[in-house]
N, C-alpha and C. Protein backbone atom coordinates (compact mmCIF):
# COMPACT_ATOMS: atom_id res chain seq x y z
N MET A 1 0.85 -1.16 0.00
CA MET A 1 0.00 0.00 0.00
C MET A 1 0.90 1.24 0.00
N SER A 2 0.57 2.17 -0.84
CA SER A 2 1.38 3.38 -0.93
C SER A 2 1.06 4.32 0.23
N LYS A 3 1.92 5.35 0.38
CA LYS A 3 1.71 6.32 1.45
C LYS A 3 0.38 7.05 1.27
N LYS A 4 0.06 7.33 0.00
CA LYS A 4 -1.18 8.04 -0.29
C LYS A 4 -2.38 7.17 0.07
N GLU A 5 -2.38 5.89 -0.30
CA GLU A 5 -3.47 4.97 0.03
C GLU A 5 -3.59 4.79 1.54
N SER A 6 -2.44 4.70 2.19
CA SER A 6 -2.41 4.55 3.64
C SER A 6 -3.01 5.79 4.33
N ALA A 7 -2.68 6.96 3.83
CA ALA A 7 -3.22 8.21 4.40
C ALA A 7 -4.73 8.28 4.20
N VAL A 8 -5.21 7.86 3.03
CA VAL A 8 -6.64 7.86 2.74
C VAL A 8 -7.35 6.88 3.68
N ALA A 9 -6.77 5.69 3.89
CA ALA A 9 -7.36 4.69 4.77
C ALA A 9 -7.41 5.19 6.21
N ASP A 10 -6.33 5.85 6.65
CA ASP A 10 -6.30 6.40 8.01
C ASP A 10 -7.35 7.48 8.18
N THR A 11 -7.49 8.35 7.17
CA THR A 11 -8.48 9.42 7.22
C THR A 11 -9.88 8.84 7.25
N SER A 12 -10.12 7.82 6.45
CA SER A 12 -11.43 7.18 6.40
C SER A 12 -11.78 6.53 7.74
N ALA A 13 -10.81 5.84 8.33
CA ALA A 13 -11.04 5.19 9.63
C ALA A 13 -11.29 6.23 10.70
N GLN A 14 -10.55 7.34 10.65
CA GLN A 14 -10.73 8.39 11.65
C GLN A 14 -12.11 9.04 11.51
N SER A 15 -12.53 9.30 10.28
CA SER A 15 -13.84 9.92 10.08
C SER A 15 -14.95 8.95 10.49
N SER A 16 -14.73 7.67 10.30
CA SER A 16 -15.70 6.67 10.73
C SER A 16 -15.82 6.66 12.26
N ARG A 17 -14.68 6.73 12.96
CA ARG A 17 -14.68 6.78 14.42
C ARG A 17 -15.37 8.05 14.91
N GLU A 18 -15.07 9.17 14.24
CA GLU A 18 -15.69 10.45 14.63
C GLU A 18 -17.20 10.41 14.43
N ALA A 19 -17.64 9.83 13.33
CA ALA A 19 -19.07 9.73 13.06
C ALA A 19 -19.75 8.86 14.12
N LYS A 20 -19.09 7.77 14.48
CA LYS A 20 -19.65 6.90 15.51
C LYS A 20 -19.72 7.63 16.85
N ALA A 21 -18.67 8.36 17.19
CA ALA A 21 -18.66 9.13 18.44
C ALA A 21 -19.76 10.17 18.44
N GLN A 22 -20.00 10.80 17.31
CA GLN A 22 -21.08 11.79 17.21
C GLN A 22 -22.44 11.13 17.40
N ARG A 23 -22.64 9.94 16.80
CA ARG A 23 -23.91 9.23 16.96
C ARG A 23 -24.14 8.84 18.41
N VAL A 24 -23.10 8.36 19.08
CA VAL A 24 -23.21 7.97 20.48
C VAL A 24 -23.54 9.19 21.34
N ALA A 25 -22.86 10.31 21.08
CA ALA A 25 -23.11 11.53 21.85
C ALA A 25 -24.54 12.02 21.65
N LYS A 26 -25.03 11.94 20.42
CA LYS A 26 -26.40 12.36 20.14
C LYS A 26 -27.40 11.45 20.86
N ALA A 27 -27.16 10.15 20.82
CA ALA A 27 -28.05 9.21 21.51
C ALA A 27 -28.09 9.50 23.01
N LYS A 28 -26.94 9.83 23.59
CA LYS A 28 -26.90 10.15 25.02
C LYS A 28 -27.68 11.43 25.31
N ARG A 29 -27.55 12.44 24.42
CA ARG A 29 -28.30 13.68 24.62
C ARG A 29 -29.79 13.44 24.54
N VAL A 30 -30.23 12.63 23.57
CA VAL A 30 -31.65 12.33 23.41
C VAL A 30 -32.16 11.57 24.62
N ALA A 31 -31.41 10.58 25.08
CA ALA A 31 -31.83 9.79 26.24
C ALA A 31 -31.92 10.68 27.48
N LYS A 32 -30.96 11.56 27.65
CA LYS A 32 -30.96 12.45 28.81
C LYS A 32 -32.13 13.42 28.74
N ALA A 33 -32.46 13.89 27.55
CA ALA A 33 -33.55 14.84 27.38
C ALA A 33 -34.90 14.21 27.71
N HIS A 34 -35.05 12.90 27.47
CA HIS A 34 -36.34 12.24 27.70
C HIS A 34 -36.43 11.56 29.05
N CYS A 35 -35.34 11.44 29.74
CA CYS A 35 -35.33 10.71 31.00
C CYS A 35 -35.87 11.57 32.13
N GLY A 36 -37.04 11.20 32.67
CA GLY A 36 -37.58 11.86 33.84
C GLY A 36 -38.15 13.24 33.60
N HIS A 37 -38.40 13.62 32.37
CA HIS A 37 -38.95 14.93 32.08
C HIS A 37 -40.34 14.80 31.47
N GLY A 38 -41.08 15.87 31.51
CA GLY A 38 -42.36 15.95 30.84
C GLY A 38 -43.43 15.09 31.49
N PRO A 39 -44.26 14.48 30.68
CA PRO A 39 -45.42 13.74 31.20
C PRO A 39 -45.06 12.51 32.02
N ASN A 40 -43.83 12.00 31.89
CA ASN A 40 -43.45 10.82 32.67
C ASN A 40 -43.58 11.09 34.16
N LYS A 41 -43.09 12.24 34.61
CA LYS A 41 -43.18 12.58 36.02
C LYS A 41 -44.63 12.71 36.46
N LEU A 42 -45.46 13.28 35.61
CA LEU A 42 -46.87 13.45 35.94
C LEU A 42 -47.57 12.10 36.06
N VAL A 43 -47.29 11.19 35.15
CA VAL A 43 -47.90 9.85 35.19
C VAL A 43 -47.43 9.11 36.44
N ILE A 44 -46.15 9.17 36.72
CA ILE A 44 -45.62 8.50 37.91
C ILE A 44 -46.25 9.06 39.17
N ALA A 45 -46.38 10.37 39.23
CA ALA A 45 -46.99 11.00 40.40
C ALA A 45 -48.46 10.60 40.54
N ALA A 46 -49.18 10.55 39.43
CA ALA A 46 -50.59 10.17 39.47
C ALA A 46 -50.76 8.72 39.93
N VAL A 47 -49.96 7.82 39.39
CA VAL A 47 -50.06 6.40 39.77
C VAL A 47 -49.66 6.23 41.23
N ALA A 48 -48.61 6.91 41.66
CA ALA A 48 -48.20 6.83 43.06
C ALA A 48 -49.30 7.36 43.97
N GLY A 49 -49.92 8.45 43.58
CA GLY A 49 -51.02 9.01 44.37
C GLY A 49 -52.19 8.05 44.47
N LEU A 50 -52.53 7.41 43.37
CA LEU A 50 -53.63 6.43 43.39
C LEU A 50 -53.28 5.23 44.26
N ALA A 51 -52.04 4.75 44.14
CA ALA A 51 -51.63 3.60 44.95
C ALA A 51 -51.64 3.94 46.43
N ILE A 52 -51.16 5.12 46.78
CA ILE A 52 -51.18 5.54 48.19
C ILE A 52 -52.61 5.64 48.69
N THR A 53 -53.49 6.19 47.87
CA THR A 53 -54.91 6.29 48.25
C THR A 53 -55.50 4.91 48.49
N ALA A 54 -55.17 3.95 47.62
CA ALA A 54 -55.70 2.60 47.77
C ALA A 54 -55.20 1.96 49.07
N VAL A 55 -53.91 2.09 49.34
CA VAL A 55 -53.34 1.49 50.55
C VAL A 55 -53.93 2.14 51.80
N VAL A 56 -54.05 3.46 51.78
CA VAL A 56 -54.61 4.17 52.94
C VAL A 56 -56.07 3.75 53.17
N SER A 57 -56.83 3.59 52.09
CA SER A 57 -58.23 3.17 52.26
C SER A 57 -58.32 1.75 52.83
N GLU A 58 -57.39 0.89 52.45
CA GLU A 58 -57.38 -0.46 53.03
C GLU A 58 -56.97 -0.43 54.49
N LEU A 59 -55.96 0.36 54.81
CA LEU A 59 -55.49 0.43 56.19
C LEU A 59 -56.51 1.10 57.12
N ALA A 60 -57.41 1.88 56.56
CA ALA A 60 -58.44 2.53 57.36
C ALA A 60 -59.51 1.53 57.81
N LYS A 61 -59.59 0.39 57.14
CA LYS A 61 -60.57 -0.64 57.50
C LYS A 61 -60.03 -1.47 58.67
N PRO A 62 -60.93 -2.08 59.42
CA PRO A 62 -60.45 -3.04 60.43
C PRO A 62 -59.71 -4.19 59.73
N ALA A 63 -58.73 -4.77 60.38
CA ALA A 63 -57.87 -5.80 59.78
C ALA A 63 -58.68 -6.95 59.17
N GLU A 64 -59.74 -7.37 59.82
CA GLU A 64 -60.52 -8.50 59.30
C GLU A 64 -61.35 -8.14 58.07
N GLU A 65 -61.53 -6.86 57.77
CA GLU A 65 -62.30 -6.44 56.60
C GLU A 65 -61.44 -6.07 55.40
N ARG A 66 -60.13 -6.09 55.55
CA ARG A 66 -59.24 -5.72 54.46
C ARG A 66 -59.18 -6.82 53.40
N THR A 67 -59.48 -6.44 52.17
CA THR A 67 -59.40 -7.40 51.06
C THR A 67 -58.21 -7.11 50.15
N TRP A 68 -57.68 -5.90 50.22
CA TRP A 68 -56.59 -5.43 49.38
C TRP A 68 -56.96 -5.42 47.91
N THR A 69 -58.25 -5.42 47.61
CA THR A 69 -58.75 -5.25 46.25
C THR A 69 -59.89 -4.24 46.30
N GLY A 70 -60.07 -3.52 45.21
CA GLY A 70 -61.16 -2.56 45.16
C GLY A 70 -60.93 -1.53 44.08
N PHE A 71 -61.52 -0.35 44.29
CA PHE A 71 -61.42 0.73 43.31
C PHE A 71 -61.07 2.03 44.03
N VAL A 72 -60.24 2.84 43.39
CA VAL A 72 -59.95 4.18 43.87
C VAL A 72 -60.90 5.11 43.12
N ALA A 73 -61.62 5.94 43.84
CA ALA A 73 -62.58 6.88 43.25
C ALA A 73 -63.63 6.15 42.41
N LYS A 74 -63.93 4.92 42.76
CA LYS A 74 -64.94 4.09 42.08
C LYS A 74 -64.65 3.88 40.60
N VAL A 75 -63.40 4.13 40.18
CA VAL A 75 -63.06 4.00 38.76
C VAL A 75 -61.82 3.13 38.53
N VAL A 76 -60.74 3.42 39.23
CA VAL A 76 -59.45 2.77 38.98
C VAL A 76 -59.31 1.55 39.89
N PRO A 77 -59.22 0.34 39.28
CA PRO A 77 -59.12 -0.86 40.11
C PRO A 77 -57.72 -1.04 40.71
N TYR A 78 -57.70 -1.69 41.87
CA TYR A 78 -56.42 -2.07 42.46
C TYR A 78 -56.55 -3.47 43.04
N ASP A 79 -55.43 -4.17 43.05
CA ASP A 79 -55.37 -5.51 43.63
C ASP A 79 -53.96 -5.72 44.16
N PHE A 80 -53.85 -5.74 45.48
CA PHE A 80 -52.55 -5.92 46.12
C PHE A 80 -52.42 -7.31 46.74
N THR A 81 -53.24 -8.27 46.29
CA THR A 81 -53.12 -9.64 46.77
C THR A 81 -52.02 -10.35 45.98
N VAL A 82 -51.49 -11.41 46.55
CA VAL A 82 -50.41 -12.16 45.90
C VAL A 82 -50.93 -12.81 44.61
N PRO A 83 -50.24 -12.58 43.48
CA PRO A 83 -50.67 -13.20 42.23
C PRO A 83 -50.51 -14.71 42.28
N THR A 84 -51.50 -15.41 41.75
CA THR A 84 -51.43 -16.86 41.60
C THR A 84 -51.51 -17.20 40.12
N VAL A 85 -51.18 -18.41 39.77
CA VAL A 85 -51.26 -18.83 38.37
C VAL A 85 -52.69 -18.71 37.87
N ASP A 86 -53.66 -19.13 38.69
CA ASP A 86 -55.06 -19.04 38.28
C ASP A 86 -55.49 -17.59 38.06
N LYS A 87 -55.05 -16.70 38.93
CA LYS A 87 -55.41 -15.29 38.78
C LYS A 87 -54.78 -14.71 37.52
N ILE A 88 -53.54 -15.06 37.24
CA ILE A 88 -52.86 -14.58 36.03
C ILE A 88 -53.60 -15.05 34.79
N LYS A 89 -53.95 -16.33 34.76
CA LYS A 89 -54.70 -16.87 33.61
C LYS A 89 -56.04 -16.17 33.45
N ALA A 90 -56.75 -15.98 34.57
CA ALA A 90 -58.08 -15.36 34.51
C ALA A 90 -58.02 -13.92 34.02
N ARG A 91 -56.97 -13.21 34.40
CA ARG A 91 -56.87 -11.80 34.00
C ARG A 91 -56.36 -11.64 32.57
N LEU A 92 -55.46 -12.51 32.13
CA LEU A 92 -54.86 -12.37 30.81
C LEU A 92 -55.61 -13.11 29.71
N TRP A 93 -56.32 -14.19 30.06
CA TRP A 93 -57.00 -14.97 29.02
C TRP A 93 -58.38 -15.39 29.50
N ASN A 94 -59.35 -14.53 29.27
CA ASN A 94 -60.73 -14.80 29.63
C ASN A 94 -61.61 -14.29 28.49
N PRO A 95 -61.87 -15.15 27.48
CA PRO A 95 -62.63 -14.70 26.30
C PRO A 95 -64.01 -14.12 26.62
N GLU A 96 -64.56 -14.47 27.76
CA GLU A 96 -65.90 -13.97 28.12
C GLU A 96 -65.83 -12.69 28.94
N GLY A 97 -64.66 -12.31 29.41
CA GLY A 97 -64.52 -11.14 30.28
C GLY A 97 -64.39 -9.84 29.49
N PRO A 98 -64.21 -8.75 30.21
CA PRO A 98 -64.04 -7.45 29.54
C PRO A 98 -62.68 -7.33 28.87
N VAL A 99 -62.54 -6.40 27.95
CA VAL A 99 -61.27 -6.19 27.25
C VAL A 99 -60.19 -5.72 28.22
N LEU A 100 -60.56 -4.87 29.17
CA LEU A 100 -59.62 -4.41 30.19
C LEU A 100 -60.13 -4.83 31.55
N GLY A 101 -59.25 -5.41 32.33
CA GLY A 101 -59.60 -5.83 33.69
C GLY A 101 -58.56 -5.30 34.66
N PRO A 102 -58.76 -5.54 35.95
CA PRO A 102 -57.79 -5.07 36.94
C PRO A 102 -56.42 -5.70 36.71
N HIS A 103 -55.38 -4.95 37.10
CA HIS A 103 -54.01 -5.48 37.02
C HIS A 103 -53.92 -6.78 37.81
N ILE A 104 -52.97 -7.60 37.42
CA ILE A 104 -52.70 -8.82 38.17
C ILE A 104 -52.20 -8.46 39.56
N PHE A 105 -51.39 -7.42 39.64
CA PHE A 105 -50.94 -6.88 40.93
C PHE A 105 -50.70 -5.40 40.73
N GLY A 106 -51.28 -4.60 41.61
CA GLY A 106 -51.06 -3.17 41.54
C GLY A 106 -52.33 -2.41 41.24
N ILE A 107 -52.14 -1.28 40.58
CA ILE A 107 -53.26 -0.38 40.32
C ILE A 107 -53.37 -0.12 38.83
N GLY A 108 -54.58 -0.13 38.32
CA GLY A 108 -54.80 0.11 36.89
C GLY A 108 -55.41 -1.09 36.21
N TRP A 109 -55.23 -1.17 34.91
CA TRP A 109 -55.88 -2.20 34.10
C TRP A 109 -54.87 -3.07 33.38
N THR A 110 -55.30 -4.28 33.04
CA THR A 110 -54.52 -5.24 32.27
C THR A 110 -55.35 -5.65 31.06
N PRO A 111 -54.75 -5.72 29.87
CA PRO A 111 -55.51 -6.19 28.71
C PRO A 111 -55.83 -7.67 28.83
N ASN A 112 -57.04 -8.02 28.45
CA ASN A 112 -57.49 -9.41 28.44
C ASN A 112 -57.30 -9.93 27.02
N PHE A 113 -56.19 -10.64 26.80
CA PHE A 113 -55.85 -11.09 25.46
C PHE A 113 -56.83 -12.13 24.93
N GLY A 114 -57.47 -12.87 25.81
CA GLY A 114 -58.50 -13.82 25.38
C GLY A 114 -59.67 -13.12 24.73
N ARG A 115 -60.11 -12.02 25.35
CA ARG A 115 -61.22 -11.25 24.79
C ARG A 115 -60.80 -10.55 23.50
N LEU A 116 -59.57 -10.03 23.48
CA LEU A 116 -59.08 -9.39 22.26
C LEU A 116 -59.01 -10.38 21.10
N ALA A 117 -58.59 -11.61 21.38
CA ALA A 117 -58.54 -12.64 20.34
C ALA A 117 -59.94 -12.97 19.86
N GLN A 118 -60.89 -13.05 20.80
CA GLN A 118 -62.28 -13.33 20.46
C GLN A 118 -62.84 -12.22 19.56
N GLU A 119 -62.56 -10.96 19.92
CA GLU A 119 -63.04 -9.83 19.11
C GLU A 119 -62.40 -9.84 17.73
N ALA A 120 -61.11 -10.16 17.64
CA ALA A 120 -60.42 -10.22 16.35
C ALA A 120 -61.02 -11.33 15.48
N LYS A 121 -61.36 -12.44 16.10
CA LYS A 121 -61.98 -13.56 15.38
C LYS A 121 -63.33 -13.13 14.81
N HIS A 122 -64.13 -12.43 15.62
CA HIS A 122 -65.44 -11.96 15.14
C HIS A 122 -65.28 -10.95 14.01
N LEU A 123 -64.31 -10.06 14.11
CA LEU A 123 -64.07 -9.09 13.05
C LEU A 123 -63.65 -9.78 11.75
N ALA A 124 -62.80 -10.79 11.87
CA ALA A 124 -62.35 -11.53 10.67
C ALA A 124 -63.52 -12.27 10.05
N GLU A 125 -64.39 -12.86 10.88
CA GLU A 125 -65.57 -13.56 10.36
C GLU A 125 -66.52 -12.58 9.67
N ASP A 126 -66.71 -11.41 10.27
CA ASP A 126 -67.58 -10.41 9.66
C ASP A 126 -67.02 -9.91 8.33
N ALA A 127 -65.69 -9.72 8.27
CA ALA A 127 -65.05 -9.27 7.05
C ALA A 127 -65.16 -10.33 5.96
N ALA A 128 -65.01 -11.59 6.34
CA ALA A 128 -65.12 -12.68 5.36
C ALA A 128 -66.54 -12.79 4.84
N ALA A 129 -67.53 -12.62 5.74
CA ALA A 129 -68.93 -12.68 5.33
C ALA A 129 -69.29 -11.52 4.42
N ALA A 130 -68.70 -10.36 4.67
CA ALA A 130 -69.00 -9.17 3.86
C ALA A 130 -68.42 -9.28 2.46
N THR A 131 -67.33 -10.02 2.28
CA THR A 131 -66.72 -10.16 0.96
C THR A 131 -67.41 -11.23 0.13
N ASN A 132 -68.22 -12.09 0.76
CA ASN A 132 -68.91 -13.16 0.00
C ASN A 132 -70.18 -12.69 -0.59
């Protein structure tokens, strides 16, 4: 390899390294800009507030009346009982249940994939019938 070819190869390798360093620096800036800013903090605060409300409402009951399941503000479900295999199956795959059900553990909703599959099947059948 001549000196000229060697210099071109060195320059090419250096520019490749510089481009990679620039991409890494940009990725770090983007990650830093999105980490913990904006609506994420609001969502975390809202969920934490709901969870605290649920726990406080349970602790306000006599010990023998605590179920650790219920609703916050009669809308948002919570379930702080230990998850079991049967509970996981019932929440994730129940074709007869609602599309969204209470979380397996915690506060909020879990998608019922059994119901979603059932709905998708009905939509496919309706689409097939409409094309015939």
